[in-house]
Amino acid sequence: MPEREILDIAELQSLAGEEVAVSDWLEVTQERINAFADATGDHQWIHVDVERCRRESPFSTTIAHGFLTLSLIPQFTYATIRIRQKFAMTINYGCNKVRFPHPVKCGARLRARHRLLEVAEVQGGWQSRWQVTIEIEGVAKPACVAETVVRYYVPGLG
């Protein structure tokens, strides 16, 4: 998907209620799953033991950590949405709600749909709320649905 370029906060505010961007597909590899397991210390066999999963898992393969799927949101966002206005910093402020309706099998391809819920002024800048739906190619249920909160801080405000 081409990158969605947004001029400034005013233009971003005008997009509230709309789907703003859809990312390209990204394959979830065993290497990525293993690296996430190493980074978080979560080496549960359903994620990292390929042979045991072939024998015992109902999925016949490893599955990605739910939090790995969630942690891909910034990558999907940076690849698809660019706001040209300069900020002192942009931060992931948190999530209001996160659900993992369907497991992500190793080798699956994911993409994210970004729907802007609102943009509001906060001390020092603005805060946006997004509904991000991470889809699995060929699967009706999403892998993850998250309401994320992003803050954009501008020098001299607040």
Protein backbone atom coordinates (compact mmCIF):
# COMPACT_ATOMS: atom_id res chain seq x y z
CA MET A 1 0.00 0.00 0.00
CA PRO A 2 1.24 3.52 -0.65
CA GLU A 3 2.03 5.61 2.37
CA ARG A 4 -0.73 7.98 3.51
CA GLU A 5 0.74 11.44 3.86
CA ILE A 6 -1.05 13.86 6.17
CA LEU A 7 -0.03 17.52 6.21
CA ASP A 8 -0.69 18.43 9.86
CA ILE A 9 -2.84 17.92 12.94
CA ALA A 10 -5.73 19.86 11.39
CA GLU A 11 -5.83 17.44 8.45
CA LEU A 12 -5.51 14.49 10.84
CA GLN A 13 -8.48 15.80 12.86
CA SER A 14 -10.53 15.98 9.67
CA LEU A 15 -10.02 12.22 9.20
CA ALA A 16 -11.65 11.24 12.51
CA GLY A 17 -14.10 8.39 11.97
CA GLU A 18 -12.37 7.20 8.78
CA GLU A 19 -10.10 4.35 7.84
CA VAL A 20 -6.87 6.24 7.23
CA ALA A 21 -4.53 3.52 5.99
CA VAL A 22 -4.04 -0.18 5.32
CA SER A 23 -0.54 -1.62 5.52
CA ASP A 24 1.20 -4.07 3.26
CA TRP A 25 1.31 -7.73 4.27
CA LEU A 26 4.06 -8.91 6.61
CA GLU A 27 5.01 -12.57 7.08
CA VAL A 28 5.42 -13.79 10.65
CA THR A 29 8.46 -16.07 10.58
CA GLN A 30 9.75 -18.50 13.18
CA GLU A 31 12.85 -16.31 13.47
CA ARG A 32 10.69 -13.33 14.47
CA ILE A 33 8.75 -15.48 16.96
CA ASN A 34 11.99 -16.81 18.48
CA ALA A 35 13.48 -13.30 18.73
CA PHE A 36 10.35 -12.09 20.52
CA ALA A 37 10.52 -15.09 22.89
CA ASP A 38 14.13 -14.20 23.67
CA ALA A 39 13.30 -10.53 24.20
CA THR A 40 10.40 -11.25 26.56
CA GLY A 41 11.49 -14.50 28.19
CA ASP A 42 8.26 -16.18 27.02
CA HIS A 43 9.52 -19.49 25.62
CA GLN A 44 6.23 -21.38 25.95
CA TRP A 45 6.37 -24.41 23.68
CA ILE A 46 3.40 -23.30 21.54
CA HIS A 47 5.65 -20.49 20.28
CA VAL A 48 9.11 -22.02 19.96
CA ASP A 49 8.98 -25.84 19.83
CA VAL A 50 8.29 -26.60 16.17
CA GLU A 51 8.49 -30.39 16.53
CA ARG A 52 6.24 -30.56 19.58
CA CYS A 53 3.71 -28.32 17.82
CA ARG A 54 3.66 -30.69 14.83
CA ARG A 55 2.82 -33.54 17.21
CA GLU A 56 0.63 -31.94 19.88
CA SER A 57 -0.72 -28.53 18.88
CA PRO A 58 -4.18 -28.21 17.34
CA PHE A 59 -2.55 -25.73 14.93
CA SER A 60 0.16 -28.21 13.76
CA THR A 61 2.68 -25.37 13.90
CA THR A 62 3.93 -22.72 16.29
CA ILE A 63 1.87 -19.60 16.87
CA ALA A 64 3.02 -16.04 17.45
CA HIS A 65 2.73 -14.48 20.88
CA GLY A 66 -0.31 -12.21 21.12
CA PHE A 67 1.96 -9.44 22.35
CA LEU A 68 4.23 -9.97 19.33
CA THR A 69 1.22 -9.26 17.12
CA LEU A 70 0.41 -6.17 19.19
CA SER A 71 4.03 -4.99 19.05
CA LEU A 72 3.90 -4.91 15.23
CA ILE A 73 1.47 -1.97 15.29
CA PRO A 74 4.22 0.70 15.30
CA GLN A 75 5.94 -0.98 12.35
CA PHE A 76 2.68 -1.07 10.39
CA THR A 77 1.91 2.53 11.35
CA TYR A 78 5.32 3.96 10.44
CA ALA A 79 5.21 2.16 7.10
CA THR A 80 1.76 3.50 6.14
CA ILE A 81 1.08 6.87 7.82
CA ARG A 82 3.30 9.94 7.73
CA ILE A 83 2.37 13.27 9.27
CA ARG A 84 4.50 16.01 7.72
CA GLN A 85 4.12 18.42 10.65
CA LYS A 86 7.24 18.39 12.82
CA PHE A 87 6.82 17.31 16.44
CA ALA A 88 9.26 17.42 19.35
CA MET A 89 8.32 13.78 19.89
CA THR A 90 5.62 11.25 19.16
CA ILE A 91 4.94 8.56 21.73
CA ASN A 92 2.80 5.47 22.06
CA TYR A 93 0.82 6.53 25.12
CA GLY A 94 -0.95 3.22 25.62
CA CYS A 95 -3.90 1.04 24.73
CA ASN A 96 -7.44 1.35 26.00
CA LYS A 97 -8.50 -2.11 24.86
CA VAL A 98 -6.73 -5.05 23.22
CA ARG A 99 -8.15 -8.37 22.07
CA PHE A 100 -6.62 -11.35 20.24
CA PRO A 101 -9.60 -13.06 18.51
CA HIS A 102 -7.54 -15.52 16.40
CA PRO A 103 -4.08 -17.07 16.76
CA VAL A 104 -1.36 -16.25 14.23
CA LYS A 105 0.28 -19.37 12.83
CA CYS A 106 3.94 -19.27 11.91
CA GLY A 107 4.20 -18.31 8.25
CA ALA A 108 0.94 -16.33 8.26
CA ARG A 109 0.83 -12.92 6.66
CA LEU A 110 -0.59 -9.96 8.58
CA ARG A 111 -1.64 -6.44 7.72
CA ALA A 112 -3.10 -3.60 9.74
CA ARG A 113 -6.11 -1.37 9.15
CA HIS A 114 -5.90 2.00 10.90
CA ARG A 115 -9.18 3.76 11.74
CA LEU A 116 -8.82 7.14 13.42
CA LEU A 117 -11.32 7.50 16.27
CA GLU A 118 -10.46 11.01 17.47
CA VAL A 119 -7.83 13.69 17.87
CA ALA A 120 -7.97 15.92 20.94
CA GLU A 121 -5.78 18.64 22.37
CA VAL A 122 -3.80 17.72 25.49
CA GLN A 123 -1.23 19.71 27.46
CA GLY A 124 1.81 20.06 25.20
CA GLY A 125 0.20 18.79 22.01
CA TRP A 126 -2.45 16.38 20.79
CA GLN A 127 -3.65 12.88 21.49
CA SER A 128 -5.12 10.53 18.91
CA ARG A 129 -7.07 7.32 19.46
CA TRP A 130 -6.93 4.67 16.78
CA GLN A 131 -8.68 1.38 16.22
CA VAL A 132 -6.07 -0.88 14.69
CA THR A 133 -7.27 -4.19 13.30
CA ILE A 134 -4.57 -6.70 12.40
CA GLU A 135 -5.85 -9.09 9.77
CA ILE A 136 -4.55 -12.54 8.87
CA GLU A 137 -4.48 -13.25 5.16
CA GLY A 138 -7.23 -15.76 4.32
CA VAL A 139 -8.77 -15.79 7.82
CA ALA A 140 -12.11 -14.14 8.62
CA LYS A 141 -11.33 -13.28 12.26
CA PRO A 142 -8.63 -10.71 12.98
CA ALA A 143 -5.48 -11.56 14.90
CA CYS A 144 -5.72 -8.44 17.04
CA VAL A 145 -8.02 -5.49 17.56
CA ALA A 146 -6.53 -2.69 19.63
CA GLU A 147 -7.52 0.81 20.54
CA THR A 148 -4.21 2.62 20.68
CA VAL A 149 -3.41 6.09 22.01
CA VAL A 150 -0.67 8.22 20.44
CA ARG A 151 0.55 11.60 21.63
CA TYR A 152 2.21 14.26 19.48
CA TYR A 153 4.19 16.88 21.41
CA VAL A 154 5.20 20.24 19.98
CA PRO A 155 7.99 22.46 21.32
CA GLY A 156 6.69 25.50 23.19
CA LEU A 157 3.26 24.06 24.08
CA GLY A 158 2.31 23.28 27.66
